[in-house]
Amino acid sequence: MNEGQIKSLEKEQTAFMQSAETIRQDLYSKQRALQSELSKSDPDFGNAIVLQKEISDLEAQLDQKWIDHMIIMRKNNHPEIGQGCAAIGPMMGCCSPYPGACWQ
């Protein structure tokens, strides 16, 4: 990638992170509240169910933002984004079927 493509990539990634920040903070807060509720000696299971539904909704929102981001990245000529090892080729890196071949 050339320098212009790198700057474009960084700009899009920063925009995604900023747009998802509130959702991530809300998600973390709800997860903590659920953990707290479930750790009580007499948890309110109704509250736990409500919290879990809110967590699931926030996770879905975050997932949708991620998909939107990936589509934007692909449209902006960054085809290597989101392909994992497919960008470097078969039988290379972490997609290799051979034991010990993963570079991660």
PDB file of N, CA and C in Angstrom:
ATOM      1  N   MET A   1       0.847  -1.182   0.000  1.00  0.00           N
ATOM      2  CA  MET A   1       0.000   0.000   0.000  1.00  0.00           C
ATOM      3  C   MET A   1       0.885   1.237   0.000  1.00  0.00           C
ATOM      4  N   ASN A   2       0.433   2.238  -0.725  1.00  0.00           N
ATOM      5  CA  ASN A   2       1.187   3.483  -0.731  1.00  0.00           C
ATOM      6  C   ASN A   2       0.769   4.350   0.457  1.00  0.00           C
ATOM      7  N   GLU A   3       1.461   5.450   0.638  1.00  0.00           N
ATOM      8  CA  GLU A   3       1.217   6.295   1.806  1.00  0.00           C
ATOM      9  C   GLU A   3      -0.196   6.874   1.823  1.00  0.00           C
ATOM     10  N   GLY A   4      -0.718   7.237   0.669  1.00  0.00           N
ATOM     11  CA  GLY A   4      -2.082   7.756   0.598  1.00  0.00           C
ATOM     12  C   GLY A   4      -3.106   6.722   1.031  1.00  0.00           C
ATOM     13  N   GLN A   5      -2.907   5.478   0.620  1.00  0.00           N
ATOM     14  CA  GLN A   5      -3.812   4.403   1.014  1.00  0.00           C
ATOM     15  C   GLN A   5      -3.722   4.137   2.512  1.00  0.00           C
ATOM     16  N   ILE A   6      -2.519   4.202   3.041  1.00  0.00           N
ATOM     17  CA  ILE A   6      -2.331   3.989   4.481  1.00  0.00           C
ATOM     18  C   ILE A   6      -3.047   5.073   5.274  1.00  0.00           C
ATOM     19  N   LYS A   7      -2.912   6.337   4.851  1.00  0.00           N
ATOM     20  CA  LYS A   7      -3.591   7.440   5.553  1.00  0.00           C
ATOM     21  C   LYS A   7      -5.104   7.293   5.471  1.00  0.00           C
ATOM     22  N   SER A   8      -5.598   6.870   4.302  1.00  0.00           N
ATOM     23  CA  SER A   8      -7.029   6.646   4.135  1.00  0.00           C
ATOM     24  C   SER A   8      -7.512   5.539   5.058  1.00  0.00           C
ATOM     25  N   LEU A   9      -6.752   4.477   5.119  1.00  0.00           N
ATOM     26  CA  LEU A   9      -7.071   3.350   5.986  1.00  0.00           C
ATOM     27  C   LEU A   9      -7.110   3.791   7.450  1.00  0.00           C
ATOM     28  N   GLU A  10      -6.102   4.520   7.883  1.00  0.00           N
ATOM     29  CA  GLU A  10      -6.044   4.993   9.265  1.00  0.00           C
ATOM     30  C   GLU A  10      -7.213   5.920   9.575  1.00  0.00           C
ATOM     31  N   LYS A  11      -7.572   6.779   8.639  1.00  0.00           N
ATOM     32  CA  LYS A  11      -8.682   7.711   8.837  1.00  0.00           C
ATOM     33  C   LYS A  11      -9.996   6.957   9.017  1.00  0.00           C
ATOM     34  N   GLU A  12     -10.234   5.965   8.166  1.00  0.00           N
ATOM     35  CA  GLU A  12     -11.456   5.169   8.265  1.00  0.00           C
ATOM     36  C   GLU A  12     -11.494   4.369   9.561  1.00  0.00           C
ATOM     37  N   GLN A  13     -10.360   3.807   9.958  1.00  0.00           N
ATOM     38  CA  GLN A  13     -10.323   3.027  11.192  1.00  0.00           C
ATOM     39  C   GLN A  13     -10.564   3.910  12.412  1.00  0.00           C
ATOM     40  N   THR A  14      -9.992   5.108  12.404  1.00  0.00           N
ATOM     41  CA  THR A  14     -10.209   6.046  13.503  1.00  0.00           C
ATOM     42  C   THR A  14     -11.674   6.452  13.576  1.00  0.00           C
ATOM     43  N   ALA A  15     -12.279   6.726  12.429  1.00  0.00           N
ATOM     44  CA  ALA A  15     -13.693   7.094  12.391  1.00  0.00           C
ATOM     45  C   ALA A  15     -14.559   5.963  12.933  1.00  0.00           C
ATOM     46  N   PHE A  16     -14.226   4.727  12.559  1.00  0.00           N
ATOM     47  CA  PHE A  16     -14.987   3.581  13.070  1.00  0.00           C
ATOM     48  C   PHE A  16     -14.856   3.492  14.582  1.00  0.00           C
ATOM     49  N   MET A  17     -13.648   3.576  15.086  1.00  0.00           N
ATOM     50  CA  MET A  17     -13.428   3.461  16.532  1.00  0.00           C
ATOM     51  C   MET A  17     -14.188   4.544  17.293  1.00  0.00           C
ATOM     52  N   GLN A  18     -14.168   5.764  16.779  1.00  0.00           N
ATOM     53  CA  GLN A  18     -14.881   6.853  17.446  1.00  0.00           C
ATOM     54  C   GLN A  18     -16.393   6.643  17.402  1.00  0.00           C
ATOM     55  N   SER A  19     -16.896   6.173  16.269  1.00  0.00           N
ATOM     56  CA  SER A  19     -18.339   5.979  16.149  1.00  0.00           C
ATOM     57  C   SER A  19     -18.839   4.822  17.015  1.00  0.00           C
ATOM     58  N   ALA A  20     -17.976   3.887  17.329  1.00  0.00           N
ATOM     59  CA  ALA A  20     -18.371   2.725  18.120  1.00  0.00           C
ATOM     60  C   ALA A  20     -18.068   2.891  19.611  1.00  0.00           C
ATOM     61  N   GLU A  21     -17.406   3.960  19.984  1.00  0.00           N
ATOM     62  CA  GLU A  21     -16.959   4.128  21.371  1.00  0.00           C
ATOM     63  C   GLU A  21     -18.116   4.105  22.376  1.00  0.00           C
ATOM     64  N   THR A  22     -19.173   4.825  22.099  1.00  0.00           N
ATOM     65  CA  THR A  22     -20.304   4.876  23.034  1.00  0.00           C
ATOM     66  C   THR A  22     -20.921   3.494  23.205  1.00  0.00           C
ATOM     67  N   ILE A  23     -21.062   2.777  22.111  1.00  0.00           N
ATOM     68  CA  ILE A  23     -21.627   1.429  22.192  1.00  0.00           C
ATOM     69  C   ILE A  23     -20.716   0.527  23.023  1.00  0.00           C
ATOM     70  N   ARG A  24     -19.412   0.616  22.802  1.00  0.00           N
ATOM     71  CA  ARG A  24     -18.475  -0.215  23.571  1.00  0.00           C
ATOM     72  C   ARG A  24     -18.544   0.116  25.063  1.00  0.00           C
ATOM     73  N   GLN A  25     -18.641   1.400  25.390  1.00  0.00           N
ATOM     74  CA  GLN A  25     -18.731   1.792  26.798  1.00  0.00           C
ATOM     75  C   GLN A  25     -20.026   1.291  27.427  1.00  0.00           C
ATOM     76  N   ASP A  26     -21.143   1.432  26.701  1.00  0.00           N
ATOM     77  CA  ASP A  26     -22.423   0.941  27.209  1.00  0.00           C
ATOM     78  C   ASP A  26     -22.393  -0.572  27.389  1.00  0.00           C
ATOM     79  N   LEU A  27     -21.790  -1.262  26.429  1.00  0.00           N
ATOM     80  CA  LEU A  27     -21.682  -2.713  26.494  1.00  0.00           C
ATOM     81  C   LEU A  27     -20.885  -3.136  27.726  1.00  0.00           C
ATOM     82  N   TYR A  28     -19.758  -2.501  27.944  1.00  0.00           N
ATOM     83  CA  TYR A  28     -18.924  -2.814  29.105  1.00  0.00           C
ATOM     84  C   TYR A  28     -19.705  -2.572  30.397  1.00  0.00           C
ATOM     85  N   SER A  29     -20.418  -1.475  30.465  1.00  0.00           N
ATOM     86  CA  SER A  29     -21.194  -1.136  31.655  1.00  0.00           C
ATOM     87  C   SER A  29     -22.278  -2.179  31.928  1.00  0.00           C
ATOM     88  N   LYS A  30     -22.977  -2.586  30.896  1.00  0.00           N
ATOM     89  CA  LYS A  30     -24.035  -3.594  31.060  1.00  0.00           C
ATOM     90  C   LYS A  30     -23.447  -4.955  31.445  1.00  0.00           C
ATOM     91  N   GLN A  31     -22.306  -5.297  30.873  1.00  0.00           N
ATOM     92  CA  GLN A  31     -21.667  -6.567  31.233  1.00  0.00           C
ATOM     93  C   GLN A  31     -21.270  -6.567  32.710  1.00  0.00           C
ATOM     94  N   ARG A  32     -20.728  -5.447  33.160  1.00  0.00           N
ATOM     95  CA  ARG A  32     -20.356  -5.336  34.578  1.00  0.00           C
ATOM     96  C   ARG A  32     -21.586  -5.425  35.472  1.00  0.00           C
ATOM     97  N   ALA A  33     -22.675  -4.761  35.077  1.00  0.00           N
ATOM     98  CA  ALA A  33     -23.913  -4.803  35.856  1.00  0.00           C
ATOM     99  C   ALA A  33     -24.451  -6.230  35.928  1.00  0.00           C
ATOM    100  N   LEU A  34     -24.382  -6.955  34.825  1.00  0.00           N
ATOM    101  CA  LEU A  34     -24.849  -8.340  34.820  1.00  0.00           C
ATOM    102  C   LEU A  34     -23.975  -9.203  35.719  1.00  0.00           C
ATOM    103  N   GLN A  35     -22.666  -9.032  35.629  1.00  0.00           N
ATOM    104  CA  GLN A  35     -21.765  -9.793  36.500  1.00  0.00           C
ATOM    105  C   GLN A  35     -22.062  -9.508  37.963  1.00  0.00           C
ATOM    106  N   SER A  36     -22.307  -8.239  38.261  1.00  0.00           N
ATOM    107  CA  SER A  36     -22.609  -7.838  39.632  1.00  0.00           C
ATOM    108  C   SER A  36     -23.916  -8.463  40.107  1.00  0.00           C
ATOM    109  N   GLU A  37     -24.914  -8.423  39.243  1.00  0.00           N
ATOM    110  CA  GLU A  37     -26.217  -9.005  39.606  1.00  0.00           C
ATOM    111  C   GLU A  37     -26.089 -10.498  39.863  1.00  0.00           C
ATOM    112  N   LEU A  38     -25.380 -11.189  38.992  1.00  0.00           N
ATOM    113  CA  LEU A  38     -25.264 -12.640  39.120  1.00  0.00           C
ATOM    114  C   LEU A  38     -24.370 -13.070  40.274  1.00  0.00           C
ATOM    115  N   SER A  39     -23.529 -12.170  40.753  1.00  0.00           N
ATOM    116  CA  SER A  39     -22.645 -12.528  41.864  1.00  0.00           C
ATOM    117  C   SER A  39     -23.301 -12.309  43.225  1.00  0.00           C
ATOM    118  N   LYS A  40     -24.490 -11.743  43.241  1.00  0.00           N
ATOM    119  CA  LYS A  40     -25.211 -11.542  44.505  1.00  0.00           C
ATOM    120  C   LYS A  40     -25.656 -12.889  45.069  1.00  0.00           C
ATOM    121  N   SER A  41     -25.825 -12.930  46.383  1.00  0.00           N
ATOM    122  CA  SER A  41     -26.282 -14.174  47.007  1.00  0.00           C
ATOM    123  C   SER A  41     -27.729 -14.484  46.617  1.00  0.00           C
ATOM    124  N   ASP A  42     -28.505 -13.453  46.308  1.00  0.00           N
ATOM    125  CA  ASP A  42     -29.894 -13.646  45.856  1.00  0.00           C
ATOM    126  C   ASP A  42     -30.127 -12.763  44.621  1.00  0.00           C
ATOM    127  N   PRO A  43     -29.626 -13.199  43.468  1.00  0.00           N
ATOM    128  CA  PRO A  43     -29.737 -12.359  42.270  1.00  0.00           C
ATOM    129  C   PRO A  43     -31.177 -12.206  41.788  1.00  0.00           C
ATOM    130  N   ASP A  44     -31.453 -11.058  41.229  1.00  0.00           N
ATOM    131  CA  ASP A  44     -32.749 -10.788  40.610  1.00  0.00           C
ATOM    132  C   ASP A  44     -32.655 -11.280  39.166  1.00  0.00           C
ATOM    133  N   PHE A  45     -33.210 -12.455  38.916  1.00  0.00           N
ATOM    134  CA  PHE A  45     -33.073 -13.061  37.595  1.00  0.00           C
ATOM    135  C   PHE A  45     -33.819 -12.270  36.523  1.00  0.00           C
ATOM    136  N   GLY A  46     -34.889 -11.585  36.899  1.00  0.00           N
ATOM    137  CA  GLY A  46     -35.591 -10.728  35.945  1.00  0.00           C
ATOM    138  C   GLY A  46     -34.691  -9.601  35.470  1.00  0.00           C
ATOM    139  N   ASN A  47     -33.978  -8.994  36.393  1.00  0.00           N
ATOM    140  CA  ASN A  47     -33.034  -7.933  36.043  1.00  0.00           C
ATOM    141  C   ASN A  47     -31.894  -8.489  35.190  1.00  0.00           C
ATOM    142  N   ALA A  48     -31.439  -9.690  35.537  1.00  0.00           N
ATOM    143  CA  ALA A  48     -30.360 -10.314  34.771  1.00  0.00           C
ATOM    144  C   ALA A  48     -30.801 -10.569  33.330  1.00  0.00           C
ATOM    145  N   ILE A  49     -32.039 -10.995  33.153  1.00  0.00           N
ATOM    146  CA  ILE A  49     -32.553 -11.249  31.805  1.00  0.00           C
ATOM    147  C   ILE A  49     -32.631  -9.955  31.009  1.00  0.00           C
ATOM    148  N   VAL A  50     -33.091  -8.888  31.639  1.00  0.00           N
ATOM    149  CA  VAL A  50     -33.168  -7.584  30.968  1.00  0.00           C
ATOM    150  C   VAL A  50     -31.769  -7.117  30.577  1.00  0.00           C
ATOM    151  N   LEU A  51     -30.821  -7.242  31.492  1.00  0.00           N
ATOM    152  CA  LEU A  51     -29.443  -6.840  31.204  1.00  0.00           C
ATOM    153  C   LEU A  51     -28.861  -7.653  30.049  1.00  0.00           C
ATOM    154  N   GLN A  52     -29.107  -8.965  30.027  1.00  0.00           N
ATOM    155  CA  GLN A  52     -28.580  -9.795  28.954  1.00  0.00           C
ATOM    156  C   GLN A  52     -29.181  -9.404  27.606  1.00  0.00           C
ATOM    157  N   LYS A  53     -30.463  -9.075  27.580  1.00  0.00           N
ATOM    158  CA  LYS A  53     -31.087  -8.630  26.333  1.00  0.00           C
ATOM    159  C   LYS A  53     -30.460  -7.322  25.855  1.00  0.00           C
ATOM    160  N   GLU A  54     -30.182  -6.418  26.791  1.00  0.00           N
ATOM    161  CA  GLU A  54     -29.534  -5.151  26.439  1.00  0.00           C
ATOM    162  C   GLU A  54     -28.122  -5.402  25.909  1.00  0.00           C
ATOM    163  N   ILE A  55     -27.415  -6.333  26.528  1.00  0.00           N
ATOM    164  CA  ILE A  55     -26.065  -6.695  26.074  1.00  0.00           C
ATOM    165  C   ILE A  55     -26.128  -7.258  24.659  1.00  0.00           C
ATOM    166  N   SER A  56     -27.062  -8.146  24.417  1.00  0.00           N
ATOM    167  CA  SER A  56     -27.200  -8.734  23.089  1.00  0.00           C
ATOM    168  C   SER A  56     -27.509  -7.662  22.042  1.00  0.00           C
ATOM    169  N   ASP A  57     -28.359  -6.707  22.391  1.00  0.00           N
ATOM    170  CA  ASP A  57     -28.695  -5.622  21.469  1.00  0.00           C
ATOM    171  C   ASP A  57     -27.466  -4.765  21.171  1.00  0.00           C
ATOM    172  N   LEU A  58     -26.699  -4.436  22.193  1.00  0.00           N
ATOM    173  CA  LEU A  58     -25.483  -3.642  21.992  1.00  0.00           C
ATOM    174  C   LEU A  58     -24.455  -4.396  21.152  1.00  0.00           C
ATOM    175  N   GLU A  59     -24.321  -5.706  21.395  1.00  0.00           N
ATOM    176  CA  GLU A  59     -23.400  -6.518  20.586  1.00  0.00           C
ATOM    177  C   GLU A  59     -23.835  -6.532  19.127  1.00  0.00           C
ATOM    178  N   ALA A  60     -25.148  -6.615  18.898  1.00  0.00           N
ATOM    179  CA  ALA A  60     -25.662  -6.593  17.520  1.00  0.00           C
ATOM    180  C   ALA A  60     -25.380  -5.243  16.863  1.00  0.00           C
ATOM    181  N   GLN A  61     -25.549  -4.160  17.613  1.00  0.00           N
ATOM    182  CA  GLN A  61     -25.249  -2.829  17.074  1.00  0.00           C
ATOM    183  C   GLN A  61     -23.769  -2.712  16.710  1.00  0.00           C
ATOM    184  N   LEU A  62     -22.919  -3.210  17.582  1.00  0.00           N
ATOM    185  CA  LEU A  62     -21.480  -3.156  17.340  1.00  0.00           C
ATOM    186  C   LEU A  62     -21.107  -4.015  16.127  1.00  0.00           C
ATOM    187  N   ASP A  63     -21.701  -5.181  16.024  1.00  0.00           N
ATOM    188  CA  ASP A  63     -21.457  -6.049  14.868  1.00  0.00           C
ATOM    189  C   ASP A  63     -21.877  -5.363  13.571  1.00  0.00           C
ATOM    190  N   GLN A  64     -23.036  -4.691  13.589  1.00  0.00           N
ATOM    191  CA  GLN A  64     -23.504  -4.012  12.389  1.00  0.00           C
ATOM    192  C   GLN A  64     -22.569  -2.868  12.013  1.00  0.00           C
ATOM    193  N   LYS A  65     -22.097  -2.128  13.010  1.00  0.00           N
ATOM    194  CA  LYS A  65     -21.128  -1.063  12.725  1.00  0.00           C
ATOM    195  C   LYS A  65     -19.866  -1.642  12.099  1.00  0.00           C
ATOM    196  N   TRP A  66     -19.431  -2.809  12.575  1.00  0.00           N
ATOM    197  CA  TRP A  66     -18.240  -3.448  12.039  1.00  0.00           C
ATOM    198  C   TRP A  66     -18.449  -3.829  10.571  1.00  0.00           C
ATOM    199  N   ILE A  67     -19.605  -4.413  10.271  1.00  0.00           N
ATOM    200  CA  ILE A  67     -19.907  -4.799   8.893  1.00  0.00           C
ATOM    201  C   ILE A  67     -19.953  -3.553   8.002  1.00  0.00           C
ATOM    202  N   ASP A  68     -20.603  -2.510   8.469  1.00  0.00           N
ATOM    203  CA  ASP A  68     -20.650  -1.258   7.700  1.00  0.00           C
ATOM    204  C   ASP A  68     -19.246  -0.742   7.433  1.00  0.00           C
ATOM    205  N   HIS A  69     -18.402  -0.805   8.447  1.00  0.00           N
ATOM    206  CA  HIS A  69     -17.010  -0.356   8.321  1.00  0.00           C
ATOM    207  C   HIS A  69     -16.262  -1.192   7.288  1.00  0.00           C
ATOM    208  N   MET A  70     -16.436  -2.508   7.337  1.00  0.00           N
ATOM    209  CA  MET A  70     -15.740  -3.379   6.397  1.00  0.00           C
ATOM    210  C   MET A  70     -16.185  -3.099   4.960  1.00  0.00           C
ATOM    211  N   ILE A  71     -17.466  -2.827   4.770  1.00  0.00           N
ATOM    212  CA  ILE A  71     -17.971  -2.505   3.429  1.00  0.00           C
ATOM    213  C   ILE A  71     -17.353  -1.209   2.929  1.00  0.00           C
ATOM    214  N   ILE A  72     -17.285  -0.211   3.797  1.00  0.00           N
ATOM    215  CA  ILE A  72     -16.659   1.062   3.421  1.00  0.00           C
ATOM    216  C   ILE A  72     -15.196   0.844   3.055  1.00  0.00           C
ATOM    217  N   MET A  73     -14.500   0.046   3.853  1.00  0.00           N
ATOM    218  CA  MET A  73     -13.088  -0.202   3.588  1.00  0.00           C
ATOM    219  C   MET A  73     -12.904  -0.882   2.235  1.00  0.00           C
ATOM    220  N   ARG A  74     -13.736  -1.854   1.934  1.00  0.00           N
ATOM    221  CA  ARG A  74     -13.637  -2.548   0.653  1.00  0.00           C
ATOM    222  C   ARG A  74     -13.940  -1.594  -0.503  1.00  0.00           C
ATOM    223  N   LYS A  75     -14.940  -0.735  -0.322  1.00  0.00           N
ATOM    224  CA  LYS A  75     -15.297   0.211  -1.372  1.00  0.00           C
ATOM    225  C   LYS A  75     -14.198   1.240  -1.600  1.00  0.00           C
ATOM    226  N   ASN A  76     -13.406   1.503  -0.569  1.00  0.00           N
ATOM    227  CA  ASN A  76     -12.320   2.484  -0.663  1.00  0.00           C
ATOM    228  C   ASN A  76     -11.004   1.831  -1.063  1.00  0.00           C
ATOM    229  N   ASN A  77     -11.101   0.752  -1.800  1.00  0.00           N
ATOM    230  CA  ASN A  77      -9.923   0.088  -2.364  1.00  0.00           C
ATOM    231  C   ASN A  77      -8.963  -0.472  -1.335  1.00  0.00           C
ATOM    232  N   HIS A  78      -9.510  -1.100  -0.338  1.00  0.00           N
ATOM    233  CA  HIS A  78      -8.697  -1.822   0.633  1.00  0.00           C
ATOM    234  C   HIS A  78      -9.186  -3.266   0.650  1.00  0.00           C
ATOM    235  N   PRO A  79      -9.030  -3.990  -0.475  1.00  0.00           N
ATOM    236  CA  PRO A  79      -9.571  -5.342  -0.551  1.00  0.00           C
ATOM    237  C   PRO A  79      -8.939  -6.323   0.425  1.00  0.00           C
ATOM    238  N   GLU A  80      -7.746  -6.008   0.922  1.00  0.00           N
ATOM    239  CA  GLU A  80      -7.072  -6.922   1.843  1.00  0.00           C
ATOM    240  C   GLU A  80      -7.686  -6.897   3.231  1.00  0.00           C
ATOM    241  N   ILE A  81      -8.479  -5.872   3.526  1.00  0.00           N
ATOM    242  CA  ILE A  81      -9.081  -5.725   4.845  1.00  0.00           C
ATOM    243  C   ILE A  81     -10.183  -6.762   5.027  1.00  0.00           C
ATOM    244  N   GLY A  82     -10.152  -7.443   6.153  1.00  0.00           N
ATOM    245  CA  GLY A  82     -11.197  -8.382   6.501  1.00  0.00           C
ATOM    246  C   GLY A  82     -11.060  -9.753   5.882  1.00  0.00           C
ATOM    247  N   GLN A  83      -9.994 -10.006   5.174  1.00  0.00           N
ATOM    248  CA  GLN A  83      -9.837 -11.305   4.549  1.00  0.00           C
ATOM    249  C   GLN A  83      -8.979 -12.253   5.380  1.00  0.00           C
ATOM    250  N   GLY A  84      -8.384 -11.753   6.429  1.00  0.00           N
ATOM    251  CA  GLY A  84      -7.521 -12.605   7.234  1.00  0.00           C
ATOM    252  C   GLY A  84      -6.363 -13.107   6.402  1.00  0.00           C
ATOM    253  N   CYS A  85      -6.104 -14.380   6.464  1.00  0.00           N
ATOM    254  CA  CYS A  85      -4.971 -14.963   5.755  1.00  0.00           C
ATOM    255  C   CYS A  85      -5.198 -15.054   4.253  1.00  0.00           C
ATOM    256  N   ALA A  86      -6.421 -14.891   3.810  1.00  0.00           N
ATOM    257  CA  ALA A  86      -6.689 -14.965   2.373  1.00  0.00           C
ATOM    258  C   ALA A  86      -5.908 -13.895   1.620  1.00  0.00           C
ATOM    259  N   ALA A  87      -5.557 -12.819   2.313  1.00  0.00           N
ATOM    260  CA  ALA A  87      -4.822 -11.737   1.666  1.00  0.00           C
ATOM    261  C   ALA A  87      -3.371 -12.129   1.382  1.00  0.00           C
ATOM    262  N   ILE A  88      -2.838 -13.093   2.147  1.00  0.00           N
ATOM    263  CA  ILE A  88      -1.445 -13.472   1.915  1.00  0.00           C
ATOM    264  C   ILE A  88      -1.314 -14.761   1.128  1.00  0.00           C
ATOM    265  N   GLY A  89      -2.383 -15.480   0.969  1.00  0.00           N
ATOM    266  CA  GLY A  89      -2.348 -16.667   0.136  1.00  0.00           C
ATOM    267  C   GLY A  89      -2.648 -17.934   0.894  1.00  0.00           C
ATOM    268  N   PRO A  90      -3.066 -18.968   0.180  1.00  0.00           N
ATOM    269  CA  PRO A  90      -3.399 -20.224   0.833  1.00  0.00           C
ATOM    270  C   PRO A  90      -2.144 -20.922   1.361  1.00  0.00           C
ATOM    271  N   MET A  91      -2.348 -21.701   2.387  1.00  0.00           N
ATOM    272  CA  MET A  91      -1.283 -22.499   2.996  1.00  0.00           C
ATOM    273  C   MET A  91      -0.184 -21.645   3.616  1.00  0.00           C
ATOM    274  N   MET A  92      -0.497 -20.396   3.912  1.00  0.00           N
ATOM    275  CA  MET A  92       0.499 -19.514   4.514  1.00  0.00           C
ATOM    276  C   MET A  92      -0.070 -18.936   5.803  1.00  0.00           C
ATOM    277  N   GLY A  93       0.780 -18.678   6.756  1.00  0.00           N
ATOM    278  CA  GLY A  93       0.359 -18.017   7.977  1.00  0.00           C
ATOM    279  C   GLY A  93      -0.619 -18.841   8.785  1.00  0.00           C
ATOM    280  N   CYS A  94      -1.587 -18.166   9.389  1.00  0.00           N
ATOM    281  CA  CYS A  94      -2.463 -18.824  10.347  1.00  0.00           C
ATOM    282  C   CYS A  94      -3.524 -19.706   9.700  1.00  0.00           C
ATOM    283  N   CYS A  95      -3.673 -19.701   8.394  1.00  0.00           N
ATOM    284  CA  CYS A  95      -4.669 -20.560   7.748  1.00  0.00           C
ATOM    285  C   CYS A  95      -4.092 -21.892   7.319  1.00  0.00           C
ATOM    286  N   SER A  96      -2.837 -22.096   7.556  1.00  0.00           N
ATOM    287  CA  SER A  96      -2.192 -23.329   7.125  1.00  0.00           C
ATOM    288  C   SER A  96      -2.725 -24.524   7.893  1.00  0.00           C
ATOM    289  N   PRO A  97      -2.976 -25.624   7.200  1.00  0.00           N
ATOM    290  CA  PRO A  97      -3.432 -26.825   7.900  1.00  0.00           C
ATOM    291  C   PRO A  97      -2.297 -27.557   8.602  1.00  0.00           C
ATOM    292  N   TYR A  98      -1.077 -27.089   8.420  1.00  0.00           N
ATOM    293  CA  TYR A  98       0.074 -27.773   8.994  1.00  0.00           C
ATOM    294  C   TYR A  98       0.344 -27.292  10.408  1.00  0.00           C
ATOM    295  N   PRO A  99       0.522 -28.223  11.361  1.00  0.00           N
ATOM    296  CA  PRO A  99       0.765 -27.837  12.754  1.00  0.00           C
ATOM    297  C   PRO A  99       2.022 -26.953  12.864  1.00  0.00           C
ATOM    298  N   GLY A 100       1.893 -25.929  13.685  1.00  0.00           N
ATOM    299  CA  GLY A 100       3.037 -25.065  13.936  1.00  0.00           C
ATOM    300  C   GLY A 100       3.274 -24.006  12.880  1.00  0.00           C
ATOM    301  N   ALA A 101       2.441 -23.965  11.846  1.00  0.00           N
ATOM    302  CA  ALA A 101       2.652 -23.007  10.766  1.00  0.00           C
ATOM    303  C   ALA A 101       2.114 -21.624  11.113  1.00  0.00           C
ATOM    304  N   CYS A 102       1.244 -21.560  12.117  1.00  0.00           N
ATOM    305  CA  CYS A 102       0.630 -20.282  12.464  1.00  0.00           C
ATOM    306  C   CYS A 102       1.666 -19.333  13.047  1.00  0.00           C
ATOM    307  N   TRP A 103       1.716 -18.144  12.505  1.00  0.00           N
ATOM    308  CA  TRP A 103       2.678 -17.137  12.959  1.00  0.00           C
ATOM    309  C   TRP A 103       2.158 -16.371  14.150  1.00  0.00           C
ATOM    310  N   GLN A 104       0.907 -16.596  14.543  1.00  0.00           N
ATOM    311  CA  GLN A 104       0.346 -15.840  15.670  1.00  0.00           C
ATOM    312  C   GLN A 104       0.751 -16.456  16.961  1.00  0.00           C
TER     313      GLN A 104
END
